[in-house]
C-alpha atoms as a PDB file:
ATOM      1  CA  UNK A   1       8.189   4.310  27.617  1.00  0.00           C
ATOM      2  CA  UNK A   2       7.022   3.539  31.553  1.00  0.00           C
ATOM      3  CA  UNK A   3       5.138   1.235  30.564  1.00  0.00           C
ATOM      4  CA  UNK A   4       6.734   0.139  27.265  1.00  0.00           C
ATOM      5  CA  UNK A   5       9.671   0.885  25.029  1.00  0.00           C
ATOM      6  CA  UNK A   6       8.263   0.171  21.652  1.00  0.00           C
ATOM      7  CA  UNK A   7       5.987   3.427  21.478  1.00  0.00           C
ATOM      8  CA  UNK A   8       2.785   1.559  20.623  1.00  0.00           C
ATOM      9  CA  UNK A   9       0.177   2.898  18.986  1.00  0.00           C
ATOM     10  CA  UNK A  10      -2.542   1.620  21.261  1.00  0.00           C
ATOM     11  CA  UNK A  11      -1.366   2.013  24.386  1.00  0.00           C
ATOM     12  CA  UNK A  12      -0.473   5.538  23.475  1.00  0.00           C
ATOM     13  CA  UNK A  13      -3.833   6.008  22.491  1.00  0.00           C
ATOM     14  CA  UNK A  14      -5.067   5.064  26.019  1.00  0.00           C
ATOM     15  CA  UNK A  15      -2.293   6.605  28.398  1.00  0.00           C
ATOM     16  CA  UNK A  16      -3.436   9.805  25.901  1.00  0.00           C
ATOM     17  CA  UNK A  17      -7.215   9.166  26.713  1.00  0.00           C
ATOM     18  CA  UNK A  18      -6.658   8.310  30.484  1.00  0.00           C
ATOM     19  CA  UNK A  19      -4.889  12.025  31.174  1.00  0.00           C
ATOM     20  CA  UNK A  20      -8.064  13.825  29.097  1.00  0.00           C
ATOM     21  CA  UNK A  21     -10.634  11.934  31.627  1.00  0.00           C
ATOM     22  CA  UNK A  22      -8.126  12.182  34.421  1.00  0.00           C
ATOM     23  CA  UNK A  23      -7.443  15.870  33.677  1.00  0.00           C
ATOM     24  CA  UNK A  24     -11.090  16.946  31.921  1.00  0.00           C
ATOM     25  CA  UNK A  25      -8.841  18.739  29.159  1.00  0.00           C
ATOM     26  CA  UNK A  26      -9.632  18.789  25.446  1.00  0.00           C
ATOM     27  CA  UNK A  27      -7.020  17.413  23.364  1.00  0.00           C
ATOM     28  CA  UNK A  28      -5.851  19.891  22.007  1.00  0.00           C
ATOM     29  CA  UNK A  29      -5.357  21.925  25.110  1.00  0.00           C
ATOM     30  CA  UNK A  30      -2.477  18.077  26.053  1.00  0.00           C
ATOM     31  CA  UNK A  31      -1.356  18.297  22.772  1.00  0.00           C
ATOM     32  CA  UNK A  32      -0.167  22.094  22.941  1.00  0.00           C
ATOM     33  CA  UNK A  33       2.276  21.111  25.159  1.00  0.00           C
ATOM     34  CA  UNK A  34       3.808  18.136  23.545  1.00  0.00           C
ATOM     35  CA  UNK A  35       7.246  18.752  21.448  1.00  0.00           C
ATOM     36  CA  UNK A  36       7.743  16.704  18.077  1.00  0.00           C
ATOM     37  CA  UNK A  37      11.273  16.268  17.069  1.00  0.00           C
ATOM     38  CA  UNK A  38      12.616  14.686  13.951  1.00  0.00           C
ATOM     39  CA  UNK A  39      12.467  11.301  13.194  1.00  0.00           C
ATOM     40  CA  UNK A  40      14.292   9.072  11.125  1.00  0.00           C
ATOM     41  CA  UNK A  41      13.731   5.364   9.976  1.00  0.00           C
ATOM     42  CA  UNK A  42      16.375   3.221   8.181  1.00  0.00           C
ATOM     43  CA  UNK A  43      16.133  -0.329   7.323  1.00  0.00           C
ATOM     44  CA  UNK A  44      18.460  -2.450   6.628  1.00  0.00           C
ATOM     45  CA  UNK A  45      18.198  -6.424   5.122  1.00  0.00           C
ATOM     46  CA  UNK A  46      19.449  -8.631   6.819  1.00  0.00           C
ATOM     47  CA  UNK A  47      19.384 -12.612   5.790  1.00  0.00           C
ATOM     48  CA  UNK A  48      19.485 -13.884   9.591  1.00  0.00           C
ATOM     49  CA  UNK A  49      18.294 -12.409  12.165  1.00  0.00           C
ATOM     50  CA  UNK A  50      21.464 -12.893  15.134  1.00  0.00           C
ATOM     51  CA  UNK A  51      20.149 -11.475  18.822  1.00  0.00           C
ATOM     52  CA  UNK A  52      21.362  -7.694  19.504  1.00  0.00           C
ATOM     53  CA  UNK A  53      22.264  -8.337  22.460  1.00  0.00           C
ATOM     54  CA  UNK A  54      24.769 -10.555  20.643  1.00  0.00           C
ATOM     55  CA  UNK A  55      26.803  -7.935  18.796  1.00  0.00           C
ATOM     56  CA  UNK A  56      29.075  -6.345  21.048  1.00  0.00           C
ATOM     57  CA  UNK A  57      29.756  -3.562  18.416  1.00  0.00           C
ATOM     58  CA  UNK A  58      26.215  -2.597  16.991  1.00  0.00           C
ATOM     59  CA  UNK A  59      25.879  -2.244  20.952  1.00  0.00           C
ATOM     60  CA  UNK A  60      28.208  -0.652  21.824  1.00  0.00           C
ATOM     61  CA  UNK A  61      27.229   1.946  18.271  1.00  0.00           C
ATOM     62  CA  UNK A  62      23.124   2.251  19.894  1.00  0.00           C
ATOM     63  CA  UNK A  63      24.546   2.938  23.388  1.00  0.00           C
ATOM     64  CA  UNK A  64      27.114   6.367  21.820  1.00  0.00           C
ATOM     65  CA  UNK A  65      24.560   7.483  20.108  1.00  0.00           C
ATOM     66  CA  UNK A  66      22.893   7.202  23.122  1.00  0.00           C
ATOM     67  CA  UNK A  67      25.504   8.693  25.218  1.00  0.00           C
ATOM     68  CA  UNK A  68      24.986  11.839  22.231  1.00  0.00           C
ATOM     69  CA  UNK A  69      21.364  12.591  22.699  1.00  0.00           C
ATOM     70  CA  UNK A  70      20.976  11.959  26.439  1.00  0.00           C
ATOM     71  CA  UNK A  71      17.125  12.925  27.248  1.00  0.00           C
ATOM     72  CA  UNK A  72      17.237  14.822  23.889  1.00  0.00           C
ATOM     73  CA  UNK A  73      15.676  11.942  22.014  1.00  0.00           C
ATOM     74  CA  UNK A  74      15.616   7.946  21.630  1.00  0.00           C
ATOM     75  CA  UNK A  75      17.492   5.139  19.868  1.00  0.00           C
ATOM     76  CA  UNK A  76      15.012   1.660  19.165  1.00  0.00           C
ATOM     77  CA  UNK A  77      16.839  -0.925  17.131  1.00  0.00           C
ATOM     78  CA  UNK A  78      14.976  -4.070  16.609  1.00  0.00           C
ATOM     79  CA  UNK A  79      14.309  -6.529  13.761  1.00  0.00           C
ATOM     80  CA  UNK A  80      10.782  -6.256  11.898  1.00  0.00           C
ATOM     81  CA  UNK A  81       8.109  -9.502  12.972  1.00  0.00           C
ATOM     82  CA  UNK A  82       7.291  -9.611   8.802  1.00  0.00           C
ATOM     83  CA  UNK A  83      10.196  -9.106   6.999  1.00  0.00           C
ATOM     84  CA  UNK A  84      13.866 -10.090   6.790  1.00  0.00           C
ATOM     85  CA  UNK A  85      15.000  -6.722   7.986  1.00  0.00           C
ATOM     86  CA  UNK A  86      16.640  -4.842  10.990  1.00  0.00           C
ATOM     87  CA  UNK A  87      15.034  -1.373  11.755  1.00  0.00           C
ATOM     88  CA  UNK A  88      16.732   1.829  13.458  1.00  0.00           C
ATOM     89  CA  UNK A  89      14.992   4.523  14.348  1.00  0.00           C
ATOM     90  CA  UNK A  90      16.308   7.614  16.407  1.00  0.00           C
ATOM     91  CA  UNK A  91      14.446  10.597  17.237  1.00  0.00           C
ATOM     92  CA  UNK A  92      16.436  14.033  18.373  1.00  0.00           C
ATOM     93  CA  UNK A  93      16.390  17.924  17.792  1.00  0.00           C
ATOM     94  CA  UNK A  94      18.062  18.256  14.580  1.00  0.00           C
ATOM     95  CA  UNK A  95      17.049  15.802  11.200  1.00  0.00           C
ATOM     96  CA  UNK A  96      20.656  15.720   9.557  1.00  0.00           C
ATOM     97  CA  UNK A  97      22.883  14.941  13.207  1.00  0.00           C
ATOM     98  CA  UNK A  98      20.361  11.901  13.547  1.00  0.00           C
ATOM     99  CA  UNK A  99      20.331  10.956  10.131  1.00  0.00           C
ATOM    100  CA  UNK A 100      24.307  10.621  10.524  1.00  0.00           C
ATOM    101  CA  UNK A 101      23.713   8.413  13.957  1.00  0.00           C
ATOM    102  CA  UNK A 102      20.719   6.258  11.963  1.00  0.00           C
ATOM    103  CA  UNK A 103      23.025   5.462   9.133  1.00  0.00           C
ATOM    104  CA  UNK A 104      26.397   4.570  12.055  1.00  0.00           C
ATOM    105  CA  UNK A 105      24.277   2.307  13.562  1.00  0.00           C
ATOM    106  CA  UNK A 106      23.027   0.873  10.378  1.00  0.00           C
ATOM    107  CA  UNK A 107      26.427   0.396   9.228  1.00  0.00           C
ATOM    108  CA  UNK A 108      27.729  -1.882  11.950  1.00  0.00           C
ATOM    109  CA  UNK A 109      24.452  -4.158  11.679  1.00  0.00           C
ATOM    110  CA  UNK A 110      25.506  -4.462   7.970  1.00  0.00           C
ATOM    111  CA  UNK A 111      28.873  -5.751   8.953  1.00  0.00           C
ATOM    112  CA  UNK A 112      27.783  -7.646  11.596  1.00  0.00           C
ATOM    113  CA  UNK A 113      24.488  -9.098  10.299  1.00  0.00           C
ATOM    114  CA  UNK A 114      25.125 -10.622   7.015  1.00  0.00           C
ATOM    115  CA  UNK A 115      23.841  -7.991   4.938  1.00  0.00           C
ATOM    116  CA  UNK A 116      22.179 -10.013   1.486  1.00  0.00           C
ATOM    117  CA  UNK A 117      24.611  -7.376  -0.346  1.00  0.00           C
ATOM    118  CA  UNK A 118      27.679  -8.765  -0.532  1.00  0.00           C
ATOM    119  CA  UNK A 119      29.559  -5.167  -1.404  1.00  0.00           C
ATOM    120  CA  UNK A 120      27.192  -3.072   0.452  1.00  0.00           C
ATOM    121  CA  UNK A 121      28.273  -5.002   3.180  1.00  0.00           C
ATOM    122  CA  UNK A 122      32.275  -5.305   2.925  1.00  0.00           C
ATOM    123  CA  UNK A 123      31.442  -1.147   2.141  1.00  0.00           C
ATOM    124  CA  UNK A 124      29.169   0.024   3.506  1.00  0.00           C
ATOM    125  CA  UNK A 125      27.996   3.894   3.042  1.00  0.00           C
ATOM    126  CA  UNK A 126      30.770   4.318   0.884  1.00  0.00           C
ATOM    127  CA  UNK A 127      28.945   6.821  -1.085  1.00  0.00           C
ATOM    128  CA  UNK A 128      28.203   9.338   2.322  1.00  0.00           C
ATOM    129  CA  UNK A 129      32.232   9.642   3.192  1.00  0.00           C
ATOM    130  CA  UNK A 130      31.197  10.544   6.675  1.00  0.00           C
ATOM    131  CA  UNK A 131      28.976   8.160   7.668  1.00  0.00           C
ATOM    132  CA  UNK A 132      32.364   6.284   6.929  1.00  0.00           C
ATOM    133  CA  UNK A 133      34.518   8.539   9.084  1.00  0.00           C
ATOM    134  CA  UNK A 134      32.285   7.903  11.694  1.00  0.00           C
ATOM    135  CA  UNK A 135      32.223   4.423  11.830  1.00  0.00           C
ATOM    136  CA  UNK A 136      36.537   4.933  11.164  1.00  0.00           C
ATOM    137  CA  UNK A 137      36.705   7.169  14.383  1.00  0.00           C
ATOM    138  CA  UNK A 138      34.270   4.817  16.241  1.00  0.00           C
ATOM    139  CA  UNK A 139      36.535   1.331  15.264  1.00  0.00           C
ATOM    140  CA  UNK A 140      39.729   3.302  15.984  1.00  0.00           C
ATOM    141  CA  UNK A 141      38.537   4.168  19.246  1.00  0.00           C
ATOM    142  CA  UNK A 142      38.297   0.530  20.325  1.00  0.00           C
ATOM    143  CA  UNK A 143      41.277  -0.244  18.541  1.00  0.00           C
ATOM    144  CA  UNK A 144      39.805  -2.116  15.667  1.00  0.00           C
ATOM    145  CA  UNK A 145      41.825  -1.508  12.294  1.00  0.00           C
ATOM    146  CA  UNK A 146      39.214  -0.678  10.057  1.00  0.00           C
ATOM    147  CA  UNK A 147      40.461  -3.080   7.107  1.00  0.00           C
ATOM    148  CA  UNK A 148      38.061  -5.565   9.270  1.00  0.00           C
ATOM    149  CA  UNK A 149      35.110  -4.107   7.370  1.00  0.00           C
ATOM    150  CA  UNK A 150      36.471  -4.526   3.891  1.00  0.00           C
ATOM    151  CA  UNK A 151      38.523  -8.287   4.754  1.00  0.00           C
ATOM    152  CA  UNK A 152      36.109  -9.974   6.795  1.00  0.00           C
ATOM    153  CA  UNK A 153      35.771 -10.584  10.135  1.00  0.00           C
ATOM    154  CA  UNK A 154      39.146 -11.319  12.229  1.00  0.00           C
ATOM    155  CA  UNK A 155      40.015 -12.683  16.026  1.00  0.00           C
ATOM    156  CA  UNK A 156      39.336  -8.965  16.806  1.00  0.00           C
ATOM    157  CA  UNK A 157      36.346  -8.253  15.877  1.00  0.00           C
ATOM    158  CA  UNK A 158      34.624 -12.313  15.915  1.00  0.00           C
END
């Protein structure tokens, strides 16, 4: 990630080839030191690709997940270049926890990035009470009423 923040495949391949040439070691030996982590990718359909930097609650959710992961994972949130979707990718040591983390970020994207599906936008992850609780806890930590998720933007959340 020193050269690119998105995990670009071509750049990664060139870096591996560079290490192979510099060390004279085969790929099998170099790859043996790599630890793979579980990864999850959530796609969130959006009507409008608002600048993620302009969504403070989404930024706070991302920072919160990054702090939980520390150096044991990574978070990437970006828009698709070809579809009206935001992509939330998280890598970390535990599949279940990263799934919940990805869903919590996706819940904020659904709420603040204008999803087509109005019911889903107003009640994100209604079928996943543990994720809803995470979102609710996050909102309460900032003293934003949970009703903001069901009653539309308020002066506090807009």
